[in-house]
Amino acid sequence: MGEISVIKKNALEHHIPIMKDEGIDFICQYIREHSVKKVLEIGSAVGYSAICFASCAKDVTVVTLERDENLFEQARENIAQMGLENQIEIRNEDALEAEVEGLFDIIFIDAAKSQYQKFFEKYERNLAFDGIIITDNLSFHGMVENPGLTKNRNTKQLVRKIRNYIEFLKNNEEFDTVFYSLGDGISVSKRKSKGEH
C-alpha cells in the first residue's frame, strides 16, 4: 500500500490542481453516510480524489476519466501503488467524447471549467435515481465572487463561464442545487422529485 499523503504532496509540489481538504472531507463523509457504491469522476488529474473516494469503503467503485495522457499515467501508477485497481477504473478519454454505461450515486465534475455545463448535460443520464452531481472549483480562488481579482483575458472568460454555469444550476428545472463555500466552492445538485416540477 502506498501513502495518500505522498500523492498529495507530489501533486502540490508540481502545481497539479487537486481538491482541497474541506471538499474531499465533505464528499467522503457523504459517501459513508449514504452508503454510496458507485462514483463517476470527470477529471482524474493524478488520481488523488478517486483514491480518497475508493478508500472510504471496500465496496465503493470509481470510474474516472482523464484526457491528459501524462496525468492519466501518473494516476494509474498512484492507483496501483495504493492497491486500488479493483475499485478504480481509470480511462484515458475526453469526457465529452467518452461513452460511460451504468448509473452512479455520485457524479463528480472536476475537469475543464469552461465545459462544466456540457459535462453536466451529458452525464445527468448516468445519475442514479437519488444520486447527486457535485461540481468543484465554483469559487475559482475567489475570482467568481470578486471578478476584480482577474487580470488576464483568458481568466476573465473562464470566470464568466463558471458564473454562467452557476446560473444554469440555479435555473435548472430538473435539479435542486445547494452551494457550499467549502474548499474552492462546490455545488451539490439533486433531481427534483416529480411533484416539484
Protein backbone atom coordinates (compact mmCIF):
# COMPACT_ATOMS: atom_id res chain seq x y z
CA MET A 1 0.00 0.00 0.00
CA GLY A 2 1.21 3.47 -0.84
CA GLU A 3 0.69 6.66 1.09
CA ILE A 4 -2.08 9.06 0.10
CA SER A 5 -0.16 11.92 1.77
CA VAL A 6 2.77 11.36 -0.61
CA ILE A 7 0.47 11.60 -3.65
CA LYS A 8 -0.99 14.82 -2.25
CA LYS A 9 2.46 16.29 -1.54
CA ASN A 10 3.76 15.46 -5.04
CA ALA A 11 0.69 16.99 -6.69
CA LEU A 12 1.04 20.23 -4.71
CA GLU A 13 4.79 20.43 -5.39
CA HIS A 14 4.19 20.06 -9.13
CA HIS A 15 1.26 22.53 -9.12
CA ILE A 16 -1.21 19.86 -10.21
CA PRO A 17 -4.64 21.01 -9.06
CA ILE A 18 -6.19 18.62 -6.56
CA MET A 19 -9.29 19.07 -4.46
CA LYS A 20 -8.91 20.97 -1.20
CA ASP A 21 -9.20 19.02 2.07
CA GLU A 22 -12.56 20.52 3.05
CA GLY A 23 -14.14 19.45 -0.24
CA ILE A 24 -12.65 15.94 -0.09
CA ASP A 25 -13.80 15.53 3.52
CA PHE A 26 -17.31 16.68 2.58
CA ILE A 27 -17.63 14.12 -0.25
CA CYS A 28 -16.05 11.28 1.75
CA GLN A 29 -18.45 11.95 4.60
CA TYR A 30 -21.37 11.89 2.12
CA ILE A 31 -20.11 8.57 0.67
CA ARG A 32 -20.01 6.99 4.12
CA GLU A 33 -23.31 8.44 5.39
CA HIS A 34 -25.28 7.49 2.26
CA SER A 35 -23.56 4.13 1.65
CA VAL A 36 -22.53 5.30 -1.82
CA LYS A 37 -21.35 2.42 -4.03
CA LYS A 38 -20.61 3.95 -7.42
CA VAL A 39 -18.84 7.20 -8.28
CA LEU A 40 -18.16 8.69 -11.72
CA GLU A 41 -15.41 11.30 -11.76
CA ILE A 42 -14.86 13.69 -14.66
CA GLY A 43 -11.20 14.69 -14.45
CA SER A 44 -8.80 12.37 -12.62
CA ALA A 45 -5.63 14.51 -12.54
CA VAL A 46 -3.20 12.28 -10.59
CA GLY A 47 -5.99 10.14 -9.11
CA TYR A 48 -5.92 11.77 -5.67
CA SER A 49 -9.67 12.30 -5.22
CA ALA A 50 -10.60 8.93 -6.79
CA ILE A 51 -8.24 7.24 -4.32
CA CYS A 52 -9.81 9.16 -1.41
CA PHE A 53 -13.32 8.13 -2.52
CA ALA A 54 -12.40 4.46 -3.03
CA SER A 55 -10.67 4.42 0.37
CA CYS A 56 -13.96 5.29 2.13
CA ALA A 57 -15.17 1.68 1.95
CA LYS A 58 -14.20 -1.60 0.30
CA ASP A 59 -17.39 -1.70 -1.79
CA VAL A 60 -17.01 1.78 -3.33
CA THR A 61 -16.10 1.68 -7.02
CA VAL A 62 -14.96 4.69 -9.04
CA VAL A 63 -14.87 5.23 -12.80
CA THR A 64 -12.66 8.21 -13.55
CA LEU A 65 -11.90 9.89 -16.89
CA GLU A 66 -8.70 11.80 -17.66
CA ARG A 67 -7.92 13.29 -21.07
CA ASP A 68 -4.27 14.20 -20.42
CA GLU A 69 -2.06 11.17 -21.12
CA ASN A 70 0.70 12.22 -18.74
CA LEU A 71 -1.72 12.75 -15.83
CA PHE A 72 -3.51 9.51 -16.72
CA GLU A 73 -0.23 7.55 -16.42
CA GLN A 74 0.58 9.19 -13.08
CA ALA A 75 -2.92 8.44 -11.80
CA ARG A 76 -2.70 4.83 -12.94
CA GLU A 77 0.58 4.38 -11.10
CA ASN A 78 -0.80 6.03 -7.95
CA ILE A 79 -3.91 3.82 -8.00
CA ALA A 80 -1.73 0.71 -8.41
CA GLN A 81 0.57 1.80 -5.58
CA MET A 82 -2.43 2.17 -3.31
CA GLY A 83 -3.65 -1.32 -4.31
CA LEU A 84 -6.98 0.03 -5.57
CA GLU A 85 -7.04 -1.28 -9.17
CA ASN A 86 -10.04 -3.45 -8.31
CA GLN A 87 -12.05 -0.44 -7.11
CA ILE A 88 -10.96 2.29 -9.53
CA GLU A 89 -11.31 2.10 -13.30
CA ILE A 90 -9.36 4.92 -14.92
CA ARG A 91 -9.87 5.74 -18.59
CA ASN A 92 -7.68 7.92 -20.77
CA GLU A 93 -10.54 9.62 -22.62
CA ASP A 94 -12.01 13.03 -23.25
CA ALA A 95 -15.12 13.13 -21.07
CA LEU A 96 -17.08 14.94 -23.79
CA GLU A 97 -16.49 12.02 -26.17
CA ALA A 98 -16.42 9.06 -23.77
CA GLU A 99 -19.34 6.66 -23.55
CA VAL A 100 -19.99 5.60 -19.97
CA GLU A 101 -22.51 2.89 -19.18
CA GLY A 102 -24.46 2.45 -15.98
CA LEU A 103 -25.82 4.59 -13.16
CA PHE A 104 -23.81 6.30 -10.42
CA ASP A 105 -24.66 7.52 -6.93
CA ILE A 106 -22.27 10.46 -7.28
CA ILE A 107 -21.09 12.17 -10.44
CA PHE A 108 -18.17 14.43 -9.59
CA ILE A 109 -17.23 17.16 -12.10
CA ASP A 110 -13.69 18.47 -11.66
CA ALA A 111 -12.29 18.88 -15.19
CA ALA A 112 -12.17 21.74 -17.74
CA LYS A 113 -14.18 24.52 -16.09
CA SER A 114 -15.25 26.00 -19.42
CA GLN A 115 -17.06 22.72 -20.19
CA TYR A 116 -18.90 22.24 -16.87
CA GLN A 117 -22.37 22.69 -18.35
CA LYS A 118 -21.65 20.27 -21.20
CA PHE A 119 -20.38 17.67 -18.71
CA PHE A 120 -23.49 18.12 -16.57
CA GLU A 121 -25.87 17.79 -19.52
CA LYS A 122 -24.03 14.78 -20.98
CA TYR A 123 -23.76 12.76 -17.78
CA GLU A 124 -27.00 13.53 -15.94
CA ARG A 125 -28.46 10.45 -17.69
CA ASN A 126 -25.89 8.37 -15.76
CA LEU A 127 -27.18 9.60 -12.41
CA ALA A 128 -28.94 7.07 -10.19
CA PHE A 129 -32.49 7.92 -9.09
CA ASP A 130 -31.48 9.57 -5.80
CA GLY A 131 -27.89 10.36 -6.75
CA ILE A 132 -26.12 13.73 -6.73
CA ILE A 133 -23.90 15.68 -9.10
CA ILE A 134 -21.08 17.52 -7.32
CA THR A 135 -19.08 20.26 -9.03
CA ASP A 136 -15.81 21.66 -7.67
CA ASN A 137 -13.96 25.00 -8.13
CA LEU A 138 -17.04 27.21 -8.39
CA SER A 139 -15.29 29.97 -6.47
CA PHE A 140 -12.14 29.67 -8.61
CA HIS A 141 -9.81 31.19 -5.99
CA GLY A 142 -12.37 33.88 -5.12
CA MET A 143 -12.48 35.29 -8.64
CA VAL A 144 -16.10 34.30 -9.30
CA GLU A 145 -17.35 36.41 -6.37
CA ASN A 146 -14.76 39.10 -6.97
CA PRO A 147 -14.04 39.49 -10.72
CA GLY A 148 -11.65 42.36 -9.91
CA LEU A 149 -9.07 39.71 -8.97
CA THR A 150 -8.85 38.54 -12.58
CA LYS A 151 -6.29 40.30 -14.72
CA ASN A 152 -5.86 38.45 -17.98
CA ARG A 153 -8.46 37.94 -20.69
CA ASN A 154 -8.46 34.13 -20.63
CA THR A 155 -9.12 34.03 -16.89
CA LYS A 156 -11.91 36.60 -17.27
CA GLN A 157 -13.57 34.40 -19.91
CA LEU A 158 -13.23 31.37 -17.67
CA VAL A 159 -14.73 33.19 -14.70
CA ARG A 160 -17.64 34.29 -16.91
CA LYS A 161 -18.22 30.66 -17.95
CA ILE A 162 -18.24 29.49 -14.32
CA ARG A 163 -20.74 32.24 -13.46
CA ASN A 164 -22.90 31.14 -16.39
CA TYR A 165 -22.73 27.56 -15.12
CA ILE A 166 -23.83 28.67 -11.64
CA GLU A 167 -26.81 30.45 -13.25
CA PHE A 168 -27.55 27.29 -15.26
CA LEU A 169 -27.66 25.30 -11.99
CA LYS A 170 -29.82 27.87 -10.22
CA ASN A 171 -32.35 27.93 -13.08
CA ASN A 172 -32.32 24.20 -13.85
CA GLU A 173 -35.92 22.92 -13.89
CA GLU A 174 -34.89 19.32 -13.18
CA PHE A 175 -32.42 19.77 -10.33
CA ASP A 176 -32.21 21.47 -6.97
CA THR A 177 -28.70 22.72 -6.24
CA VAL A 178 -27.12 23.72 -2.94
CA PHE A 179 -23.89 25.75 -2.99
CA TYR A 180 -21.21 25.36 -0.30
CA SER A 181 -18.24 27.64 0.30
CA LEU A 182 -16.09 24.63 1.22
CA GLY A 183 -12.63 24.37 -0.31
CA ASP A 184 -12.77 26.24 -3.61
CA GLY A 185 -16.58 26.32 -3.73
CA ILE A 186 -18.70 23.25 -4.51
CA SER A 187 -22.26 22.59 -5.58
CA VAL A 188 -24.46 19.59 -4.90
CA SER A 189 -27.27 19.02 -7.40
CA LYS A 190 -30.08 16.55 -6.82
CA ARG A 191 -33.01 15.69 -9.08
CA LYS A 192 -36.28 17.26 -8.02
CA SER A 193 -38.99 14.81 -7.10
CA LYS A 194 -41.75 14.51 -9.69
CA GLY A 195 -44.16 16.78 -7.84
CA GLU A 196 -41.76 19.73 -7.73
CA HIS A 197 -41.56 20.40 -11.48
